[in-house]
Amino acid sequence: MLIPALLAVIYLSYVVTGAAALDFGSFSTLSGIKSLFNQENAVLVGWIHYLAFDLVAGCWMLRDGQQRTINHFLLIPCLLFCFMLGPTGLLLYLVIRFFRKPDA
């Protein structure tokens, strides 16, 4: 969890220093979100946000899969999808977890 924590510190530093000024009212509409991403460094801040959360989700899937003795080869696609397509990897893991048979 060290890397997600470091990413969170970087993210917070951008938000606090105003590198990506936030108008919290903008979060309520799609056009507001689009306007946030037109600001300087906003895409970088958004990317850091996604990286941190995807890493946390991936760490959870790996640890949970190990505790449930899910075959590691089934976890690999979940982790790849989680890194590239976030929620898709999580959904794939949850489906495998639901239908899995524990390793002997």
PDB file of N, CA and C in Angstrom:
ATOM      1  N   MET A   1       0.814  -1.211   0.000  1.00  0.00           N
ATOM      2  CA  MET A   1       0.000   0.000   0.000  1.00  0.00           C
ATOM      3  C   MET A   1       0.856   1.273   0.000  1.00  0.00           C
ATOM      4  N   LEU A   2       2.167   1.109  -0.019  1.00  0.00           N
ATOM      5  CA  LEU A   2       3.045   2.274  -0.003  1.00  0.00           C
ATOM      6  C   LEU A   2       2.879   3.128  -1.263  1.00  0.00           C
ATOM      7  N   ILE A   3       2.829   2.495  -2.411  1.00  0.00           N
ATOM      8  CA  ILE A   3       2.712   3.266  -3.661  1.00  0.00           C
ATOM      9  C   ILE A   3       1.380   4.019  -3.730  1.00  0.00           C
ATOM     10  N   PRO A   4       0.228   3.371  -3.421  1.00  0.00           N
ATOM     11  CA  PRO A   4      -1.008   4.167  -3.410  1.00  0.00           C
ATOM     12  C   PRO A   4      -0.966   5.310  -2.405  1.00  0.00           C
ATOM     13  N   ALA A   5      -0.297   5.107  -1.269  1.00  0.00           N
ATOM     14  CA  ALA A   5      -0.184   6.183  -0.282  1.00  0.00           C
ATOM     15  C   ALA A   5       0.657   7.336  -0.833  1.00  0.00           C
ATOM     16  N   LEU A   6       1.752   7.012  -1.515  1.00  0.00           N
ATOM     17  CA  LEU A   6       2.570   8.058  -2.125  1.00  0.00           C
ATOM     18  C   LEU A   6       1.796   8.804  -3.212  1.00  0.00           C
ATOM     19  N   LEU A   7       1.041   8.068  -4.007  1.00  0.00           N
ATOM     20  CA  LEU A   7       0.207   8.711  -5.027  1.00  0.00           C
ATOM     21  C   LEU A   7      -0.838   9.621  -4.379  1.00  0.00           C
ATOM     22  N   ALA A   8      -1.377   9.201  -3.249  1.00  0.00           N
ATOM     23  CA  ALA A   8      -2.360  10.025  -2.539  1.00  0.00           C
ATOM     24  C   ALA A   8      -1.732  11.323  -2.053  1.00  0.00           C
ATOM     25  N   VAL A   9      -0.488  11.260  -1.588  1.00  0.00           N
ATOM     26  CA  VAL A   9       0.218  12.472  -1.151  1.00  0.00           C
ATOM     27  C   VAL A   9       0.438  13.414  -2.332  1.00  0.00           C
ATOM     28  N   ILE A  10       0.856  12.865  -3.463  1.00  0.00           N
ATOM     29  CA  ILE A  10       1.055  13.688  -4.662  1.00  0.00           C
ATOM     30  C   ILE A  10      -0.272  14.312  -5.097  1.00  0.00           C
ATOM     31  N   TYR A  11      -1.305  13.510  -5.102  1.00  0.00           N
ATOM     32  CA  TYR A  11      -2.644  13.983  -5.473  1.00  0.00           C
ATOM     33  C   TYR A  11      -3.073  15.132  -4.563  1.00  0.00           C
ATOM     34  N   LEU A  12      -2.932  14.920  -3.267  1.00  0.00           N
ATOM     35  CA  LEU A  12      -3.352  15.941  -2.308  1.00  0.00           C
ATOM     36  C   LEU A  12      -2.533  17.219  -2.475  1.00  0.00           C
ATOM     37  N   SER A  13      -1.249  17.076  -2.759  1.00  0.00           N
ATOM     38  CA  SER A  13      -0.422  18.272  -2.932  1.00  0.00           C
ATOM     39  C   SER A  13      -0.892  19.097  -4.130  1.00  0.00           C
ATOM     40  N   TYR A  14      -1.297  18.441  -5.207  1.00  0.00           N
ATOM     41  CA  TYR A  14      -1.830  19.166  -6.358  1.00  0.00           C
ATOM     42  C   TYR A  14      -3.144  19.861  -6.006  1.00  0.00           C
ATOM     43  N   VAL A  15      -3.982  19.166  -5.269  1.00  0.00           N
ATOM     44  CA  VAL A  15      -5.283  19.737  -4.932  1.00  0.00           C
ATOM     45  C   VAL A  15      -5.124  20.917  -3.972  1.00  0.00           C
ATOM     46  N   VAL A  16      -4.289  20.755  -2.957  1.00  0.00           N
ATOM     47  CA  VAL A  16      -4.120  21.795  -1.941  1.00  0.00           C
ATOM     48  C   VAL A  16      -3.409  23.025  -2.501  1.00  0.00           C
ATOM     49  N   THR A  17      -2.425  22.821  -3.360  1.00  0.00           N
ATOM     50  CA  THR A  17      -1.679  23.964  -3.902  1.00  0.00           C
ATOM     51  C   THR A  17      -2.445  24.690  -4.993  1.00  0.00           C
ATOM     52  N   GLY A  18      -3.572  24.161  -5.377  1.00  0.00           N
ATOM     53  CA  GLY A  18      -4.383  24.839  -6.376  1.00  0.00           C
ATOM     54  C   GLY A  18      -3.947  24.572  -7.796  1.00  0.00           C
ATOM     55  N   ALA A  19      -3.042  23.601  -7.986  1.00  0.00           N
ATOM     56  CA  ALA A  19      -2.635  23.265  -9.352  1.00  0.00           C
ATOM     57  C   ALA A  19      -3.824  22.790 -10.161  1.00  0.00           C
ATOM     58  N   ALA A  20      -4.797  22.240  -9.479  1.00  0.00           N
ATOM     59  CA  ALA A  20      -6.052  21.855 -10.122  1.00  0.00           C
ATOM     60  C   ALA A  20      -7.170  22.410  -9.250  1.00  0.00           C
ATOM     61  N   ALA A  21      -7.508  23.682  -9.463  1.00  0.00           N
ATOM     62  CA  ALA A  21      -8.518  24.330  -8.635  1.00  0.00           C
ATOM     63  C   ALA A  21      -9.841  23.582  -8.738  1.00  0.00           C
ATOM     64  N   LEU A  22     -10.430  23.324  -7.600  1.00  0.00           N
ATOM     65  CA  LEU A  22     -11.663  22.539  -7.578  1.00  0.00           C
ATOM     66  C   LEU A  22     -12.862  23.420  -7.274  1.00  0.00           C
ATOM     67  N   ASP A  23     -13.862  23.276  -8.096  1.00  0.00           N
ATOM     68  CA  ASP A  23     -15.167  23.848  -7.822  1.00  0.00           C
ATOM     69  C   ASP A  23     -16.067  22.645  -7.565  1.00  0.00           C
ATOM     70  N   PHE A  24     -16.350  22.388  -6.289  1.00  0.00           N
ATOM     71  CA  PHE A  24     -17.077  21.167  -5.939  1.00  0.00           C
ATOM     72  C   PHE A  24     -18.466  21.115  -6.556  1.00  0.00           C
ATOM     73  N   GLY A  25     -19.018  22.253  -6.935  1.00  0.00           N
ATOM     74  CA  GLY A  25     -20.290  22.263  -7.629  1.00  0.00           C
ATOM     75  C   GLY A  25     -20.194  21.642  -9.015  1.00  0.00           C
ATOM     76  N   SER A  26     -18.981  21.627  -9.570  1.00  0.00           N
ATOM     77  CA  SER A  26     -18.776  21.061 -10.907  1.00  0.00           C
ATOM     78  C   SER A  26     -18.940  19.549 -10.941  1.00  0.00           C
ATOM     79  N   PHE A  27     -18.871  18.903  -9.793  1.00  0.00           N
ATOM     80  CA  PHE A  27     -18.981  17.449  -9.751  1.00  0.00           C
ATOM     81  C   PHE A  27     -20.414  16.951  -9.965  1.00  0.00           C
ATOM     82  N   SER A  28     -21.374  17.858  -9.998  1.00  0.00           N
ATOM     83  CA  SER A  28     -22.770  17.431 -10.096  1.00  0.00           C
ATOM     84  C   SER A  28     -23.270  17.273 -11.534  1.00  0.00           C
ATOM     85  N   THR A  29     -22.481  17.717 -12.521  1.00  0.00           N
ATOM     86  CA  THR A  29     -22.910  17.586 -13.914  1.00  0.00           C
ATOM     87  C   THR A  29     -21.748  17.111 -14.781  1.00  0.00           C
ATOM     88  N   LEU A  30     -22.077  16.492 -15.889  1.00  0.00           N
ATOM     89  CA  LEU A  30     -21.052  16.050 -16.830  1.00  0.00           C
ATOM     90  C   LEU A  30     -20.316  17.250 -17.412  1.00  0.00           C
ATOM     91  N   SER A  31     -21.027  18.308 -17.740  1.00  0.00           N
ATOM     92  CA  SER A  31     -20.358  19.499 -18.290  1.00  0.00           C
ATOM     93  C   SER A  31     -19.428  20.120 -17.244  1.00  0.00           C
ATOM     94  N   GLY A  32     -19.792  20.036 -15.976  1.00  0.00           N
ATOM     95  CA  GLY A  32     -18.919  20.535 -14.913  1.00  0.00           C
ATOM     96  C   GLY A  32     -17.645  19.732 -14.814  1.00  0.00           C
ATOM     97  N   ILE A  33     -17.760  18.410 -14.931  1.00  0.00           N
ATOM     98  CA  ILE A  33     -16.573  17.541 -14.903  1.00  0.00           C
ATOM     99  C   ILE A  33     -15.682  17.854 -16.096  1.00  0.00           C
ATOM    100  N   LYS A  34     -16.292  18.046 -17.266  1.00  0.00           N
ATOM    101  CA  LYS A  34     -15.505  18.379 -18.457  1.00  0.00           C
ATOM    102  C   LYS A  34     -14.753  19.695 -18.254  1.00  0.00           C
ATOM    103  N   SER A  35     -15.390  20.655 -17.625  1.00  0.00           N
ATOM    104  CA  SER A  35     -14.713  21.942 -17.405  1.00  0.00           C
ATOM    105  C   SER A  35     -13.553  21.793 -16.429  1.00  0.00           C
ATOM    106  N   LEU A  36     -13.677  20.896 -15.449  1.00  0.00           N
ATOM    107  CA  LEU A  36     -12.564  20.654 -14.528  1.00  0.00           C
ATOM    108  C   LEU A  36     -11.344  20.129 -15.279  1.00  0.00           C
ATOM    109  N   PHE A  37     -11.557  19.262 -16.245  1.00  0.00           N
ATOM    110  CA  PHE A  37     -10.448  18.661 -16.974  1.00  0.00           C
ATOM    111  C   PHE A  37      -9.846  19.596 -18.016  1.00  0.00           C
ATOM    112  N   ASN A  38     -10.414  20.775 -18.195  1.00  0.00           N
ATOM    113  CA  ASN A  38      -9.807  21.769 -19.075  1.00  0.00           C
ATOM    114  C   ASN A  38      -8.760  22.603 -18.356  1.00  0.00           C
ATOM    115  N   GLN A  39      -8.652  22.457 -17.048  1.00  0.00           N
ATOM    116  CA  GLN A  39      -7.680  23.229 -16.275  1.00  0.00           C
ATOM    117  C   GLN A  39      -6.289  22.613 -16.400  1.00  0.00           C
ATOM    118  N   GLU A  40      -5.284  23.453 -16.238  1.00  0.00           N
ATOM    119  CA  GLU A  40      -3.899  22.982 -16.306  1.00  0.00           C
ATOM    120  C   GLU A  40      -3.648  21.943 -15.217  1.00  0.00           C
ATOM    121  N   ASN A  41      -3.006  20.858 -15.564  1.00  0.00           N
ATOM    122  CA  ASN A  41      -2.638  19.749 -14.674  1.00  0.00           C
ATOM    123  C   ASN A  41      -3.824  18.898 -14.214  1.00  0.00           C
ATOM    124  N   ALA A  42      -5.029  19.221 -14.631  1.00  0.00           N
ATOM    125  CA  ALA A  42      -6.195  18.480 -14.152  1.00  0.00           C
ATOM    126  C   ALA A  42      -6.181  17.031 -14.635  1.00  0.00           C
ATOM    127  N   VAL A  43      -5.746  16.789 -15.849  1.00  0.00           N
ATOM    128  CA  VAL A  43      -5.695  15.415 -16.354  1.00  0.00           C
ATOM    129  C   VAL A  43      -4.665  14.617 -15.562  1.00  0.00           C
ATOM    130  N   LEU A  44      -3.531  15.236 -15.244  1.00  0.00           N
ATOM    131  CA  LEU A  44      -2.520  14.570 -14.417  1.00  0.00           C
ATOM    132  C   LEU A  44      -3.092  14.222 -13.051  1.00  0.00           C
ATOM    133  N   VAL A  45      -3.789  15.149 -12.437  1.00  0.00           N
ATOM    134  CA  VAL A  45      -4.391  14.897 -11.127  1.00  0.00           C
ATOM    135  C   VAL A  45      -5.428  13.781 -11.225  1.00  0.00           C
ATOM    136  N   GLY A  46      -6.234  13.800 -12.281  1.00  0.00           N
ATOM    137  CA  GLY A  46      -7.219  12.735 -12.475  1.00  0.00           C
ATOM    138  C   GLY A  46      -6.563  11.382 -12.670  1.00  0.00           C
ATOM    139  N   TRP A  47      -5.463  11.358 -13.411  1.00  0.00           N
ATOM    140  CA  TRP A  47      -4.745  10.112 -13.650  1.00  0.00           C
ATOM    141  C   TRP A  47      -4.159   9.579 -12.343  1.00  0.00           C
ATOM    142  N   ILE A  48      -3.581  10.447 -11.538  1.00  0.00           N
ATOM    143  CA  ILE A  48      -3.042  10.024 -10.240  1.00  0.00           C
ATOM    144  C   ILE A  48      -4.163   9.452  -9.375  1.00  0.00           C
ATOM    145  N   HIS A  49      -5.311  10.099  -9.408  1.00  0.00           N
ATOM    146  CA  HIS A  49      -6.489   9.626  -8.659  1.00  0.00           C
ATOM    147  C   HIS A  49      -6.839   8.194  -9.068  1.00  0.00           C
ATOM    148  N   TYR A  50      -6.943   7.962 -10.371  1.00  0.00           N
ATOM    149  CA  TYR A  50      -7.291   6.625 -10.867  1.00  0.00           C
ATOM    150  C   TYR A  50      -6.209   5.600 -10.548  1.00  0.00           C
ATOM    151  N   LEU A  51      -4.943   5.978 -10.713  1.00  0.00           N
ATOM    152  CA  LEU A  51      -3.860   5.041 -10.398  1.00  0.00           C
ATOM    153  C   LEU A  51      -3.920   4.598  -8.943  1.00  0.00           C
ATOM    154  N   ALA A  52      -4.096   5.549  -8.042  1.00  0.00           N
ATOM    155  CA  ALA A  52      -4.138   5.219  -6.615  1.00  0.00           C
ATOM    156  C   ALA A  52      -5.277   4.248  -6.319  1.00  0.00           C
ATOM    157  N   PHE A  53      -6.461   4.530  -6.834  1.00  0.00           N
ATOM    158  CA  PHE A  53      -7.598   3.657  -6.535  1.00  0.00           C
ATOM    159  C   PHE A  53      -7.510   2.318  -7.247  1.00  0.00           C
ATOM    160  N   ASP A  54      -6.995   2.289  -8.467  1.00  0.00           N
ATOM    161  CA  ASP A  54      -6.828   1.011  -9.157  1.00  0.00           C
ATOM    162  C   ASP A  54      -5.817   0.130  -8.434  1.00  0.00           C
ATOM    163  N   LEU A  55      -4.759   0.733  -7.904  1.00  0.00           N
ATOM    164  CA  LEU A  55      -3.771  -0.040  -7.148  1.00  0.00           C
ATOM    165  C   LEU A  55      -4.365  -0.596  -5.862  1.00  0.00           C
ATOM    166  N   VAL A  56      -5.174   0.192  -5.188  1.00  0.00           N
ATOM    167  CA  VAL A  56      -5.822  -0.292  -3.962  1.00  0.00           C
ATOM    168  C   VAL A  56      -6.768  -1.437  -4.295  1.00  0.00           C
ATOM    169  N   ALA A  57      -7.555  -1.280  -5.351  1.00  0.00           N
ATOM    170  CA  ALA A  57      -8.473  -2.354  -5.752  1.00  0.00           C
ATOM    171  C   ALA A  57      -7.700  -3.601  -6.142  1.00  0.00           C
ATOM    172  N   GLY A  58      -6.601  -3.424  -6.876  1.00  0.00           N
ATOM    173  CA  GLY A  58      -5.783  -4.567  -7.273  1.00  0.00           C
ATOM    174  C   GLY A  58      -5.165  -5.278  -6.080  1.00  0.00           C
ATOM    175  N   CYS A  59      -4.662  -4.512  -5.119  1.00  0.00           N
ATOM    176  CA  CYS A  59      -4.102  -5.113  -3.894  1.00  0.00           C
ATOM    177  C   CYS A  59      -5.169  -5.895  -3.145  1.00  0.00           C
ATOM    178  N   TRP A  60      -6.368  -5.334  -3.069  1.00  0.00           N
ATOM    179  CA  TRP A  60      -7.445  -6.035  -2.371  1.00  0.00           C
ATOM    180  C   TRP A  60      -7.795  -7.338  -3.088  1.00  0.00           C
ATOM    181  N   MET A  61      -7.910  -7.281  -4.428  1.00  0.00           N
ATOM    182  CA  MET A  61      -8.250  -8.488  -5.184  1.00  0.00           C
ATOM    183  C   MET A  61      -7.182  -9.561  -4.983  1.00  0.00           C
ATOM    184  N   LEU A  62      -5.922  -9.185  -5.045  1.00  0.00           N
ATOM    185  CA  LEU A  62      -4.842 -10.153  -4.874  1.00  0.00           C
ATOM    186  C   LEU A  62      -4.881 -10.792  -3.493  1.00  0.00           C
ATOM    187  N   ARG A  63      -4.993  -9.977  -2.459  1.00  0.00           N
ATOM    188  CA  ARG A  63      -5.023 -10.516  -1.088  1.00  0.00           C
ATOM    189  C   ARG A  63      -6.271 -11.361  -0.841  1.00  0.00           C
ATOM    190  N   ASP A  64      -7.409 -10.882  -1.304  1.00  0.00           N
ATOM    191  CA  ASP A  64      -8.647 -11.630  -1.115  1.00  0.00           C
ATOM    192  C   ASP A  64      -8.592 -12.947  -1.873  1.00  0.00           C
ATOM    193  N   GLY A  65      -8.066 -12.910  -3.094  1.00  0.00           N
ATOM    194  CA  GLY A  65      -7.940 -14.132  -3.886  1.00  0.00           C
ATOM    195  C   GLY A  65      -7.004 -15.138  -3.236  1.00  0.00           C
ATOM    196  N   GLN A  66      -5.920 -14.661  -2.650  1.00  0.00           N
ATOM    197  CA  GLN A  66      -4.990 -15.553  -1.966  1.00  0.00           C
ATOM    198  C   GLN A  66      -5.649 -16.173  -0.731  1.00  0.00           C
ATOM    199  N   GLN A  67      -6.390 -15.369   0.010  1.00  0.00           N
ATOM    200  CA  GLN A  67      -7.075 -15.892   1.202  1.00  0.00           C
ATOM    201  C   GLN A  67      -8.134 -16.923   0.822  1.00  0.00           C
ATOM    202  N   ARG A  68      -8.753 -16.738  -0.312  1.00  0.00           N
ATOM    203  CA  ARG A  68      -9.800 -17.659  -0.769  1.00  0.00           C
ATOM    204  C   ARG A  68      -9.227 -18.787  -1.636  1.00  0.00           C
ATOM    205  N   THR A  69      -7.925 -18.857  -1.729  1.00  0.00           N
ATOM    206  CA  THR A  69      -7.198 -19.855  -2.518  1.00  0.00           C
ATOM    207  C   THR A  69      -7.672 -19.924  -3.971  1.00  0.00           C
ATOM    208  N   ILE A  70      -7.909 -18.766  -4.557  1.00  0.00           N
ATOM    209  CA  ILE A  70      -8.240 -18.696  -5.975  1.00  0.00           C
ATOM    210  C   ILE A  70      -6.927 -18.812  -6.751  1.00  0.00           C
ATOM    211  N   ASN A  71      -6.922 -19.650  -7.764  1.00  0.00           N
ATOM    212  CA  ASN A  71      -5.737 -19.876  -8.560  1.00  0.00           C
ATOM    213  C   ASN A  71      -5.194 -18.540  -9.078  1.00  0.00           C
ATOM    214  N   HIS A  72      -3.886 -18.358  -8.919  1.00  0.00           N
ATOM    215  CA  HIS A  72      -3.254 -17.081  -9.294  1.00  0.00           C
ATOM    216  C   HIS A  72      -3.420 -16.778 -10.789  1.00  0.00           C
ATOM    217  N   PHE A  73      -3.466 -17.804 -11.620  1.00  0.00           N
ATOM    218  CA  PHE A  73      -3.639 -17.571 -13.053  1.00  0.00           C
ATOM    219  C   PHE A  73      -5.014 -16.979 -13.376  1.00  0.00           C
ATOM    220  N   LEU A  74      -5.981 -17.180 -12.493  1.00  0.00           N
ATOM    221  CA  LEU A  74      -7.285 -16.535 -12.675  1.00  0.00           C
ATOM    222  C   LEU A  74      -7.239 -15.076 -12.228  1.00  0.00           C
ATOM    223  N   LEU A  75      -6.331 -14.748 -11.314  1.00  0.00           N
ATOM    224  CA  LEU A  75      -6.227 -13.379 -10.818  1.00  0.00           C
ATOM    225  C   LEU A  75      -5.519 -12.449 -11.817  1.00  0.00           C
ATOM    226  N   ILE A  76      -4.614 -12.998 -12.601  1.00  0.00           N
ATOM    227  CA  ILE A  76      -3.818 -12.166 -13.503  1.00  0.00           C
ATOM    228  C   ILE A  76      -4.686 -11.341 -14.466  1.00  0.00           C
ATOM    229  N   PRO A  77      -5.662 -11.949 -15.162  1.00  0.00           N
ATOM    230  CA  PRO A  77      -6.499 -11.114 -16.050  1.00  0.00           C
ATOM    231  C   PRO A  77      -7.288 -10.053 -15.271  1.00  0.00           C
ATOM    232  N   CYS A  78      -7.724 -10.400 -14.078  1.00  0.00           N
ATOM    233  CA  CYS A  78      -8.464  -9.429 -13.259  1.00  0.00           C
ATOM    234  C   CYS A  78      -7.591  -8.225 -12.948  1.00  0.00           C
ATOM    235  N   LEU A  79      -6.342  -8.487 -12.585  1.00  0.00           N
ATOM    236  CA  LEU A  79      -5.420  -7.400 -12.249  1.00  0.00           C
ATOM    237  C   LEU A  79      -5.087  -6.551 -13.477  1.00  0.00           C
ATOM    238  N   LEU A  80      -4.896  -7.190 -14.622  1.00  0.00           N
ATOM    239  CA  LEU A  80      -4.635  -6.433 -15.853  1.00  0.00           C
ATOM    240  C   LEU A  80      -5.821  -5.554 -16.234  1.00  0.00           C
ATOM    241  N   PHE A  81      -7.014  -6.135 -16.168  1.00  0.00           N
ATOM    242  CA  PHE A  81      -8.216  -5.352 -16.477  1.00  0.00           C
ATOM    243  C   PHE A  81      -8.416  -4.238 -15.461  1.00  0.00           C
ATOM    244  N   CYS A  82      -8.108  -4.506 -14.203  1.00  0.00           N
ATOM    245  CA  CYS A  82      -8.252  -3.479 -13.172  1.00  0.00           C
ATOM    246  C   CYS A  82      -7.332  -2.306 -13.465  1.00  0.00           C
ATOM    247  N   PHE A  83      -6.108  -2.599 -13.878  1.00  0.00           N
ATOM    248  CA  PHE A  83      -5.163  -1.533 -14.189  1.00  0.00           C
ATOM    249  C   PHE A  83      -5.591  -0.747 -15.423  1.00  0.00           C
ATOM    250  N   MET A  84      -6.087  -1.443 -16.431  1.00  0.00           N
ATOM    251  CA  MET A  84      -6.426  -0.772 -17.690  1.00  0.00           C
ATOM    252  C   MET A  84      -7.863  -0.241 -17.732  1.00  0.00           C
ATOM    253  N   LEU A  85      -8.787  -0.970 -17.129  1.00  0.00           N
ATOM    254  CA  LEU A  85     -10.209  -0.610 -17.226  1.00  0.00           C
ATOM    255  C   LEU A  85     -10.912  -0.616 -15.874  1.00  0.00           C
ATOM    256  N   GLY A  86     -10.165  -0.408 -14.789  1.00  0.00           N
ATOM    257  CA  GLY A  86     -10.679  -0.269 -13.435  1.00  0.00           C
ATOM    258  C   GLY A  86     -11.844  -1.167 -13.056  1.00  0.00           C
ATOM    259  N   PRO A  87     -13.063  -0.647 -13.141  1.00  0.00           N
ATOM    260  CA  PRO A  87     -14.227  -1.401 -12.686  1.00  0.00           C
ATOM    261  C   PRO A  87     -14.434  -2.736 -13.403  1.00  0.00           C
ATOM    262  N   THR A  88     -13.975  -2.836 -14.656  1.00  0.00           N
ATOM    263  CA  THR A  88     -14.117  -4.090 -15.401  1.00  0.00           C
ATOM    264  C   THR A  88     -13.309  -5.198 -14.736  1.00  0.00           C
ATOM    265  N   GLY A  89     -12.096  -4.882 -14.300  1.00  0.00           N
ATOM    266  CA  GLY A  89     -11.272  -5.866 -13.597  1.00  0.00           C
ATOM    267  C   GLY A  89     -11.885  -6.275 -12.283  1.00  0.00           C
ATOM    268  N   LEU A  90     -12.437  -5.315 -11.561  1.00  0.00           N
ATOM    269  CA  LEU A  90     -13.099  -5.626 -10.289  1.00  0.00           C
ATOM    270  C   LEU A  90     -14.308  -6.526 -10.524  1.00  0.00           C
ATOM    271  N   LEU A  91     -15.097  -6.203 -11.540  1.00  0.00           N
ATOM    272  CA  LEU A  91     -16.267  -7.026 -11.853  1.00  0.00           C
ATOM    273  C   LEU A  91     -15.856  -8.440 -12.242  1.00  0.00           C
ATOM    274  N   LEU A  92     -14.836  -8.572 -13.075  1.00  0.00           N
ATOM    275  CA  LEU A  92     -14.347  -9.891 -13.466  1.00  0.00           C
ATOM    276  C   LEU A  92     -13.911 -10.682 -12.235  1.00  0.00           C
ATOM    277  N   TYR A  93     -13.195 -10.034 -11.324  1.00  0.00           N
ATOM    278  CA  TYR A  93     -12.766 -10.719 -10.110  1.00  0.00           C
ATOM    279  C   TYR A  93     -13.973 -11.172  -9.285  1.00  0.00           C
ATOM    280  N   LEU A  94     -14.956 -10.308  -9.135  1.00  0.00           N
ATOM    281  CA  LEU A  94     -16.134 -10.667  -8.331  1.00  0.00           C
ATOM    282  C   LEU A  94     -16.892 -11.839  -8.947  1.00  0.00           C
ATOM    283  N   VAL A  95     -16.949 -11.895 -10.286  1.00  0.00           N
ATOM    284  CA  VAL A  95     -17.601 -13.027 -10.958  1.00  0.00           C
ATOM    285  C   VAL A  95     -16.809 -14.306 -10.702  1.00  0.00           C
ATOM    286  N   ILE A  96     -15.492 -14.245 -10.866  1.00  0.00           N
ATOM    287  CA  ILE A  96     -14.647 -15.423 -10.600  1.00  0.00           C
ATOM    288  C   ILE A  96     -14.775 -15.850  -9.147  1.00  0.00           C
ATOM    289  N   ARG A  97     -14.770 -14.893  -8.261  1.00  0.00           N
ATOM    290  CA  ARG A  97     -14.890 -15.183  -6.824  1.00  0.00           C
ATOM    291  C   ARG A  97     -16.209 -15.881  -6.518  1.00  0.00           C
ATOM    292  N   PHE A  98     -17.275 -15.446  -7.185  1.00  0.00           N
ATOM    293  CA  PHE A  98     -18.591 -16.043  -6.952  1.00  0.00           C
ATOM    294  C   PHE A  98     -18.647 -17.493  -7.430  1.00  0.00           C
ATOM    295  N   PHE A  99     -18.063 -17.768  -8.601  1.00  0.00           N
ATOM    296  CA  PHE A  99     -18.155 -19.090  -9.198  1.00  0.00           C
ATOM    297  C   PHE A  99     -16.944 -20.000  -8.942  1.00  0.00           C
ATOM    298  N   ARG A 100     -15.955 -19.518  -8.271  1.00  0.00           N
ATOM    299  CA  ARG A 100     -14.694 -20.253  -8.133  1.00  0.00           C
ATOM    300  C   ARG A 100     -14.818 -21.526  -7.322  1.00  0.00           C
ATOM    301  N   LYS A 101     -13.900 -22.429  -7.629  1.00  0.00           N
ATOM    302  CA  LYS A 101     -13.734 -23.628  -6.824  1.00  0.00           C
ATOM    303  C   LYS A 101     -12.364 -23.507  -6.190  1.00  0.00           C
ATOM    304  N   PRO A 102     -12.256 -23.674  -4.880  1.00  0.00           N
ATOM    305  CA  PRO A 102     -10.955 -23.517  -4.225  1.00  0.00           C
ATOM    306  C   PRO A 102      -9.940 -24.517  -4.760  1.00  0.00           C
ATOM    307  N   ASP A 103      -8.664 -24.079  -4.814  1.00  0.00           N
ATOM    308  CA  ASP A 103      -7.585 -24.995  -5.194  1.00  0.00           C
ATOM    309  C   ASP A 103      -7.470 -26.092  -4.132  1.00  0.00           C
ATOM    310  N   ALA A 104      -7.025 -27.245  -4.568  1.00  0.00           N
ATOM    311  CA  ALA A 104      -6.884 -28.354  -3.629  1.00  0.00           C
ATOM    312  C   ALA A 104      -5.663 -28.179  -2.768  1.00  0.00           C
TER     313      ALA A 104
END
